[in-house]
């Protein structure tokens, strides 16, 4: 587990490569009760102007914060997390799925001693989450 005394503004967290598959979409839909057809029906997704079936934004958001929780070693260290949804993540119907590359760095030490972590999540080199920031409290 990382400690506050070991952290400096500008520190880069270890990057994370995430695969999102259609099976992940099925599991997430069941857990969240979000059965919107854009997340499972190729024809419907294309009819509404999407490139195909896309990942749930909240699934992408939840998976991306792992870059922080893996680094802290304690998911409870995250006291605040927010993003803006930018681009969709199309998920192909194959075994590979969509590759989302996640990186993060320590952006600021806040007045209360917590750290602001800036997170970047990209699919095919383009950002999919905007303004993604987590606030963490470290021992």
N, C-alpha and C. Protein backbone atom coordinates (compact mmCIF):
# COMPACT_ATOMS: atom_id res chain seq x y z
N UNK A 1 0.85 -1.19 0.00
CA UNK A 1 0.00 0.00 0.00
C UNK A 1 0.89 1.24 0.00
N UNK A 2 0.57 2.17 -0.86
CA UNK A 2 1.36 3.40 -0.95
C UNK A 2 0.97 4.35 0.18
N UNK A 3 1.93 5.12 0.64
CA UNK A 3 1.69 6.06 1.74
C UNK A 3 1.84 7.50 1.21
N UNK A 4 1.14 8.42 1.86
CA UNK A 4 1.13 9.82 1.42
C UNK A 4 2.54 10.40 1.35
N UNK A 5 3.40 10.03 2.27
CA UNK A 5 4.76 10.56 2.30
C UNK A 5 5.57 10.15 1.07
N UNK A 6 5.13 9.11 0.36
CA UNK A 6 5.85 8.61 -0.81
C UNK A 6 5.38 9.26 -2.12
N UNK A 7 4.36 10.13 -2.04
CA UNK A 7 3.71 10.64 -3.25
C UNK A 7 4.10 12.09 -3.50
N UNK A 8 4.38 12.40 -4.76
CA UNK A 8 4.74 13.75 -5.18
C UNK A 8 3.88 14.14 -6.38
N UNK A 9 3.52 15.42 -6.45
CA UNK A 9 2.78 15.90 -7.62
C UNK A 9 3.61 15.60 -8.87
N UNK A 10 2.95 15.08 -9.87
CA UNK A 10 3.61 14.70 -11.11
C UNK A 10 3.92 13.22 -11.21
N UNK A 11 3.83 12.50 -10.09
CA UNK A 11 4.05 11.05 -10.12
C UNK A 11 3.09 10.41 -11.12
N UNK A 12 3.62 9.49 -11.90
CA UNK A 12 2.81 8.78 -12.89
C UNK A 12 2.48 7.40 -12.32
N UNK A 13 1.21 7.05 -12.35
CA UNK A 13 0.77 5.74 -11.88
C UNK A 13 1.04 4.70 -12.95
N UNK A 14 1.22 3.44 -12.55
CA UNK A 14 1.41 2.40 -13.57
C UNK A 14 0.19 2.32 -14.48
N UNK A 15 0.41 2.30 -15.80
CA UNK A 15 -0.72 2.27 -16.74
C UNK A 15 -1.46 0.94 -16.67
N UNK A 16 -2.65 0.96 -17.21
CA UNK A 16 -3.52 -0.21 -17.18
C UNK A 16 -4.13 -0.41 -18.56
N UNK A 17 -4.07 -1.63 -19.06
CA UNK A 17 -4.73 -1.98 -20.32
C UNK A 17 -5.93 -2.84 -19.99
N UNK A 18 -7.10 -2.39 -20.41
CA UNK A 18 -8.35 -3.09 -20.09
C UNK A 18 -8.99 -3.62 -21.36
N UNK A 19 -9.47 -4.82 -21.30
CA UNK A 19 -10.25 -5.40 -22.40
C UNK A 19 -11.71 -5.44 -21.96
N UNK A 20 -12.57 -4.91 -22.81
CA UNK A 20 -14.01 -4.98 -22.56
C UNK A 20 -14.60 -5.85 -23.66
N UNK A 21 -15.22 -6.95 -23.27
CA UNK A 21 -15.80 -7.89 -24.23
C UNK A 21 -17.32 -7.83 -24.17
N UNK A 22 -17.95 -8.47 -25.13
CA UNK A 22 -19.41 -8.56 -25.11
C UNK A 22 -19.88 -9.30 -23.86
N UNK A 23 -19.11 -10.27 -23.40
CA UNK A 23 -19.48 -10.98 -22.17
C UNK A 23 -19.48 -10.02 -20.98
N UNK A 24 -18.54 -9.07 -20.95
CA UNK A 24 -18.53 -8.06 -19.88
C UNK A 24 -19.80 -7.22 -19.94
N UNK A 25 -20.24 -6.90 -21.16
CA UNK A 25 -21.46 -6.10 -21.31
C UNK A 25 -22.68 -6.84 -20.78
N UNK A 26 -22.74 -8.14 -21.04
CA UNK A 26 -23.85 -8.95 -20.55
C UNK A 26 -23.85 -8.97 -19.01
N UNK A 27 -22.67 -9.22 -18.43
CA UNK A 27 -22.58 -9.26 -16.97
C UNK A 27 -22.95 -7.91 -16.36
N UNK A 28 -22.45 -6.82 -16.95
CA UNK A 28 -22.74 -5.50 -16.42
C UNK A 28 -24.23 -5.17 -16.55
N UNK A 29 -24.81 -5.52 -17.69
CA UNK A 29 -26.25 -5.26 -17.88
C UNK A 29 -27.06 -5.96 -16.80
N UNK A 30 -26.72 -7.20 -16.51
CA UNK A 30 -27.44 -7.93 -15.48
C UNK A 30 -27.26 -7.33 -14.10
N UNK A 31 -26.06 -6.89 -13.78
CA UNK A 31 -25.78 -6.32 -12.46
C UNK A 31 -26.41 -4.94 -12.30
N UNK A 32 -26.42 -4.16 -13.38
CA UNK A 32 -26.91 -2.78 -13.29
C UNK A 32 -28.37 -2.63 -13.70
N UNK A 33 -28.91 -3.67 -14.32
CA UNK A 33 -30.26 -3.65 -14.90
C UNK A 33 -30.37 -2.64 -16.04
N UNK A 34 -29.24 -2.35 -16.69
CA UNK A 34 -29.23 -1.46 -17.84
C UNK A 34 -29.23 -2.32 -19.10
N UNK A 35 -30.42 -2.59 -19.61
CA UNK A 35 -30.58 -3.45 -20.77
C UNK A 35 -30.84 -2.65 -22.05
N UNK A 36 -30.36 -1.42 -22.11
CA UNK A 36 -30.51 -0.61 -23.30
C UNK A 36 -29.93 -1.38 -24.49
N UNK A 37 -30.68 -1.51 -25.57
CA UNK A 37 -30.22 -2.33 -26.70
C UNK A 37 -28.95 -1.82 -27.39
N UNK A 38 -28.53 -0.59 -27.15
CA UNK A 38 -27.26 -0.13 -27.74
C UNK A 38 -26.07 -0.89 -27.16
N UNK A 39 -26.30 -1.60 -26.06
CA UNK A 39 -25.23 -2.35 -25.41
C UNK A 39 -25.24 -3.84 -25.77
N UNK A 40 -26.19 -4.27 -26.63
CA UNK A 40 -26.21 -5.69 -26.99
C UNK A 40 -26.74 -5.99 -28.39
N UNK A 41 -27.44 -5.04 -28.99
CA UNK A 41 -28.08 -5.29 -30.28
C UNK A 41 -27.39 -4.47 -31.38
N UNK A 42 -26.60 -5.14 -32.20
CA UNK A 42 -25.81 -4.48 -33.25
C UNK A 42 -26.70 -3.67 -34.19
N UNK A 43 -27.78 -4.28 -34.65
CA UNK A 43 -28.68 -3.62 -35.60
C UNK A 43 -29.26 -2.35 -34.99
N UNK A 44 -29.76 -2.44 -33.77
CA UNK A 44 -30.35 -1.28 -33.12
C UNK A 44 -29.30 -0.17 -32.93
N UNK A 45 -28.12 -0.55 -32.46
CA UNK A 45 -27.07 0.44 -32.22
C UNK A 45 -26.74 1.20 -33.51
N UNK A 46 -26.65 0.49 -34.61
CA UNK A 46 -26.34 1.14 -35.89
C UNK A 46 -27.51 2.00 -36.37
N UNK A 47 -28.73 1.55 -36.12
CA UNK A 47 -29.91 2.33 -36.53
C UNK A 47 -29.98 3.68 -35.82
N UNK A 48 -29.43 3.76 -34.61
CA UNK A 48 -29.46 5.03 -33.88
C UNK A 48 -28.17 5.83 -34.08
N UNK A 49 -27.34 5.39 -35.05
CA UNK A 49 -26.17 6.18 -35.42
C UNK A 49 -24.86 5.81 -34.74
N UNK A 50 -24.85 4.73 -34.01
CA UNK A 50 -23.60 4.31 -33.37
C UNK A 50 -22.83 3.38 -34.30
N UNK A 51 -21.53 3.23 -34.08
CA UNK A 51 -20.74 2.35 -34.95
C UNK A 51 -21.04 0.87 -34.73
N UNK A 52 -21.77 0.57 -33.69
CA UNK A 52 -22.10 -0.80 -33.31
C UNK A 52 -22.41 -0.82 -31.83
N UNK A 53 -22.44 -2.00 -31.27
CA UNK A 53 -22.68 -2.14 -29.83
C UNK A 53 -21.58 -1.39 -29.07
N UNK A 54 -21.97 -0.64 -28.05
CA UNK A 54 -20.99 0.13 -27.26
C UNK A 54 -21.04 -0.28 -25.80
N UNK A 55 -19.91 -0.08 -25.13
CA UNK A 55 -19.82 -0.36 -23.70
C UNK A 55 -20.67 0.64 -22.92
N UNK A 56 -21.21 0.21 -21.81
CA UNK A 56 -21.90 1.11 -20.89
C UNK A 56 -20.89 2.14 -20.39
N UNK A 57 -21.27 3.39 -20.38
CA UNK A 57 -20.37 4.43 -19.88
C UNK A 57 -19.95 4.17 -18.45
N UNK A 58 -20.90 3.76 -17.62
CA UNK A 58 -20.57 3.51 -16.21
C UNK A 58 -19.64 2.31 -16.04
N UNK A 59 -19.72 1.34 -16.94
CA UNK A 59 -18.79 0.21 -16.90
C UNK A 59 -17.38 0.71 -17.22
N UNK A 60 -17.27 1.50 -18.26
CA UNK A 60 -15.97 2.06 -18.62
C UNK A 60 -15.41 2.90 -17.48
N UNK A 61 -16.26 3.72 -16.89
CA UNK A 61 -15.85 4.57 -15.77
C UNK A 61 -15.35 3.71 -14.60
N UNK A 62 -16.13 2.69 -14.26
CA UNK A 62 -15.76 1.83 -13.14
C UNK A 62 -14.49 1.06 -13.37
N UNK A 63 -14.29 0.59 -14.60
CA UNK A 63 -13.07 -0.15 -14.90
C UNK A 63 -11.86 0.78 -14.90
N UNK A 64 -12.02 2.00 -15.38
CA UNK A 64 -10.90 2.94 -15.48
C UNK A 64 -10.34 3.33 -14.12
N UNK A 65 -11.17 3.41 -13.11
CA UNK A 65 -10.67 3.83 -11.79
C UNK A 65 -9.74 2.78 -11.17
N UNK A 66 -9.73 1.58 -11.76
CA UNK A 66 -8.79 0.56 -11.27
C UNK A 66 -7.35 1.02 -11.35
N UNK A 67 -7.03 1.94 -12.27
CA UNK A 67 -5.66 2.45 -12.33
C UNK A 67 -5.29 3.08 -10.99
N UNK A 68 -6.26 3.67 -10.32
CA UNK A 68 -6.03 4.29 -9.01
C UNK A 68 -6.08 3.26 -7.90
N UNK A 69 -7.09 2.41 -7.91
CA UNK A 69 -7.22 1.45 -6.80
C UNK A 69 -6.08 0.43 -6.82
N UNK A 70 -5.60 0.05 -8.00
CA UNK A 70 -4.44 -0.84 -8.06
C UNK A 70 -3.22 -0.15 -7.46
N UNK A 71 -3.07 1.14 -7.73
CA UNK A 71 -1.92 1.91 -7.23
C UNK A 71 -1.99 2.10 -5.72
N UNK A 72 -3.16 2.46 -5.20
CA UNK A 72 -3.27 2.68 -3.75
C UNK A 72 -3.23 1.38 -2.97
N UNK A 73 -3.70 0.30 -3.60
CA UNK A 73 -3.79 -0.97 -2.89
C UNK A 73 -5.00 -1.05 -2.00
N UNK A 74 -5.86 -0.01 -2.05
CA UNK A 74 -7.04 0.04 -1.19
C UNK A 74 -8.15 0.80 -1.90
N UNK A 75 -9.17 0.09 -2.40
CA UNK A 75 -10.27 0.79 -3.07
C UNK A 75 -10.95 1.83 -2.18
N UNK A 76 -10.90 1.63 -0.86
CA UNK A 76 -11.50 2.58 0.07
C UNK A 76 -10.75 3.90 0.15
N UNK A 77 -9.55 3.96 -0.44
CA UNK A 77 -8.79 5.22 -0.45
C UNK A 77 -9.42 6.25 -1.38
N UNK A 78 -10.23 5.79 -2.34
CA UNK A 78 -10.90 6.71 -3.27
C UNK A 78 -12.10 7.32 -2.55
N UNK A 79 -12.03 8.61 -2.30
CA UNK A 79 -13.12 9.28 -1.59
C UNK A 79 -14.04 10.07 -2.52
N UNK A 80 -13.58 10.26 -3.76
CA UNK A 80 -14.41 10.96 -4.75
C UNK A 80 -13.90 10.59 -6.13
N UNK A 81 -14.84 10.48 -7.07
CA UNK A 81 -14.46 10.13 -8.44
C UNK A 81 -15.53 10.66 -9.38
N UNK A 82 -15.08 11.31 -10.44
CA UNK A 82 -16.04 11.81 -11.42
C UNK A 82 -15.43 11.87 -12.80
N UNK A 83 -16.28 11.76 -13.81
CA UNK A 83 -15.86 11.83 -15.21
C UNK A 83 -16.96 12.49 -16.02
N UNK A 84 -16.61 12.89 -17.23
CA UNK A 84 -17.59 13.24 -18.26
C UNK A 84 -17.43 12.18 -19.34
N UNK A 85 -18.52 11.71 -19.86
CA UNK A 85 -18.45 10.70 -20.92
C UNK A 85 -18.22 11.42 -22.24
N UNK A 86 -17.15 11.04 -22.93
CA UNK A 86 -16.77 11.69 -24.18
C UNK A 86 -17.20 10.89 -25.38
N UNK A 87 -16.42 9.90 -25.74
CA UNK A 87 -16.70 9.06 -26.90
C UNK A 87 -17.15 7.68 -26.45
N UNK A 88 -17.95 7.02 -27.27
CA UNK A 88 -18.34 5.65 -26.93
C UNK A 88 -17.18 4.68 -27.20
N UNK A 89 -17.26 3.53 -26.54
CA UNK A 89 -16.29 2.46 -26.76
C UNK A 89 -17.02 1.33 -27.49
N UNK A 90 -16.84 1.24 -28.82
CA UNK A 90 -17.46 0.14 -29.57
C UNK A 90 -16.81 -1.19 -29.15
N UNK A 91 -17.65 -2.19 -28.93
CA UNK A 91 -17.15 -3.49 -28.49
C UNK A 91 -17.46 -4.52 -29.58
N UNK A 92 -16.42 -4.99 -30.28
CA UNK A 92 -16.65 -5.96 -31.35
C UNK A 92 -17.12 -7.30 -30.81
N UNK A 93 -17.78 -8.04 -31.67
CA UNK A 93 -18.29 -9.37 -31.31
C UNK A 93 -17.22 -10.41 -31.62
N UNK A 94 -16.15 -10.38 -30.83
CA UNK A 94 -15.06 -11.33 -30.99
C UNK A 94 -14.46 -11.63 -29.61
N UNK A 95 -13.45 -12.45 -29.58
CA UNK A 95 -12.83 -12.84 -28.31
C UNK A 95 -11.95 -11.74 -27.72
N UNK A 96 -11.49 -10.82 -28.55
CA UNK A 96 -10.57 -9.78 -28.09
C UNK A 96 -11.27 -8.63 -27.38
N UNK A 97 -12.42 -8.22 -27.88
CA UNK A 97 -13.12 -7.08 -27.31
C UNK A 97 -12.45 -5.77 -27.66
N UNK A 98 -12.75 -4.75 -26.88
CA UNK A 98 -12.19 -3.42 -27.09
C UNK A 98 -11.08 -3.19 -26.08
N UNK A 99 -9.99 -2.61 -26.53
CA UNK A 99 -8.86 -2.32 -25.66
C UNK A 99 -8.93 -0.86 -25.24
N UNK A 100 -9.02 -0.63 -23.93
CA UNK A 100 -9.02 0.72 -23.38
C UNK A 100 -7.73 0.88 -22.58
N UNK A 101 -6.96 1.89 -22.96
CA UNK A 101 -5.68 2.17 -22.29
C UNK A 101 -5.91 3.28 -21.25
N UNK A 102 -5.52 3.01 -20.02
CA UNK A 102 -5.76 3.95 -18.93
C UNK A 102 -4.43 4.37 -18.31
N UNK A 103 -4.28 5.66 -18.12
CA UNK A 103 -3.09 6.19 -17.46
C UNK A 103 -3.56 7.23 -16.44
N UNK A 104 -2.66 7.58 -15.54
CA UNK A 104 -3.02 8.56 -14.51
C UNK A 104 -1.77 9.17 -13.91
N UNK A 105 -1.95 10.36 -13.33
CA UNK A 105 -0.84 11.00 -12.62
C UNK A 105 -1.39 11.81 -11.46
N UNK A 106 -0.52 12.03 -10.51
CA UNK A 106 -0.87 12.84 -9.35
C UNK A 106 -0.87 14.29 -9.81
N UNK A 107 -2.03 14.93 -9.76
CA UNK A 107 -2.18 16.28 -10.28
C UNK A 107 -1.99 17.37 -9.22
N UNK A 108 -2.36 17.04 -7.97
CA UNK A 108 -2.38 18.10 -6.96
C UNK A 108 -2.50 17.50 -5.57
N UNK A 109 -1.91 18.18 -4.60
CA UNK A 109 -2.17 17.88 -3.20
C UNK A 109 -3.19 18.91 -2.74
N UNK A 110 -4.32 18.45 -2.27
CA UNK A 110 -5.39 19.36 -1.86
C UNK A 110 -5.19 19.82 -0.41
N UNK A 111 -5.89 20.88 -0.05
CA UNK A 111 -5.73 21.47 1.28
C UNK A 111 -6.01 20.50 2.42
N UNK A 112 -6.88 19.53 2.19
CA UNK A 112 -7.22 18.57 3.26
C UNK A 112 -6.26 17.38 3.31
N UNK A 113 -5.18 17.45 2.51
CA UNK A 113 -4.19 16.37 2.52
C UNK A 113 -4.48 15.23 1.57
N UNK A 114 -5.61 15.31 0.87
CA UNK A 114 -5.91 14.28 -0.13
C UNK A 114 -5.19 14.63 -1.42
N UNK A 115 -5.16 13.67 -2.34
CA UNK A 115 -4.49 13.86 -3.62
C UNK A 115 -5.50 13.80 -4.75
N UNK A 116 -5.36 14.72 -5.70
CA UNK A 116 -6.17 14.69 -6.92
C UNK A 116 -5.39 13.92 -7.97
N UNK A 117 -6.02 12.88 -8.50
CA UNK A 117 -5.41 12.04 -9.52
C UNK A 117 -6.14 12.27 -10.83
N UNK A 118 -5.41 12.69 -11.85
CA UNK A 118 -5.98 12.91 -13.19
C UNK A 118 -5.86 11.60 -13.97
N UNK A 119 -6.98 11.16 -14.53
CA UNK A 119 -7.04 9.88 -15.22
C UNK A 119 -7.35 10.11 -16.70
N UNK A 120 -6.66 9.36 -17.55
CA UNK A 120 -6.93 9.40 -18.98
C UNK A 120 -7.29 7.99 -19.42
N UNK A 121 -8.41 7.84 -20.13
CA UNK A 121 -8.82 6.55 -20.69
C UNK A 121 -9.01 6.76 -22.18
N UNK A 122 -8.35 5.92 -22.97
CA UNK A 122 -8.40 6.09 -24.43
C UNK A 122 -8.70 4.77 -25.13
N UNK A 123 -9.47 4.88 -26.20
CA UNK A 123 -9.76 3.77 -27.10
C UNK A 123 -9.28 4.19 -28.48
N UNK A 124 -8.44 3.37 -29.08
CA UNK A 124 -7.86 3.68 -30.39
C UNK A 124 -7.22 5.07 -30.41
N UNK A 125 -6.55 5.41 -29.32
CA UNK A 125 -5.82 6.66 -29.22
C UNK A 125 -6.65 7.90 -28.95
N UNK A 126 -7.96 7.73 -28.80
CA UNK A 126 -8.84 8.88 -28.55
C UNK A 126 -9.46 8.76 -27.16
N UNK A 127 -9.49 9.88 -26.46
CA UNK A 127 -10.03 9.91 -25.10
C UNK A 127 -11.51 9.53 -25.09
N UNK A 128 -11.90 8.70 -24.12
CA UNK A 128 -13.30 8.32 -24.00
C UNK A 128 -13.93 8.88 -22.72
N UNK A 129 -13.11 9.30 -21.78
CA UNK A 129 -13.60 9.93 -20.55
C UNK A 129 -12.94 11.29 -20.43
N UNK A 130 -13.75 12.31 -20.25
CA UNK A 130 -13.20 13.65 -20.09
C UNK A 130 -13.23 14.06 -18.63
N UNK A 131 -12.29 14.89 -18.24
CA UNK A 131 -12.27 15.42 -16.87
C UNK A 131 -12.31 14.33 -15.81
N UNK A 132 -11.69 13.20 -16.08
CA UNK A 132 -11.70 12.09 -15.13
C UNK A 132 -10.70 12.38 -14.00
N UNK A 133 -11.23 12.51 -12.82
CA UNK A 133 -10.39 12.78 -11.65
C UNK A 133 -10.88 11.98 -10.46
N UNK A 134 -9.92 11.50 -9.69
CA UNK A 134 -10.24 10.83 -8.42
C UNK A 134 -9.54 11.60 -7.32
N UNK A 135 -10.17 11.61 -6.16
CA UNK A 135 -9.53 12.18 -4.97
C UNK A 135 -9.28 11.02 -4.03
N UNK A 136 -8.04 10.90 -3.58
CA UNK A 136 -7.69 9.77 -2.72
C UNK A 136 -7.09 10.26 -1.40
N UNK A 137 -7.38 9.50 -0.36
CA UNK A 137 -6.81 9.75 0.96
C UNK A 137 -5.87 8.59 1.26
N UNK A 138 -4.62 8.92 1.50
CA UNK A 138 -3.61 7.90 1.76
C UNK A 138 -3.13 7.98 3.20
N UNK A 139 -2.73 6.84 3.75
CA UNK A 139 -2.23 6.86 5.14
C UNK A 139 -0.88 7.55 5.22
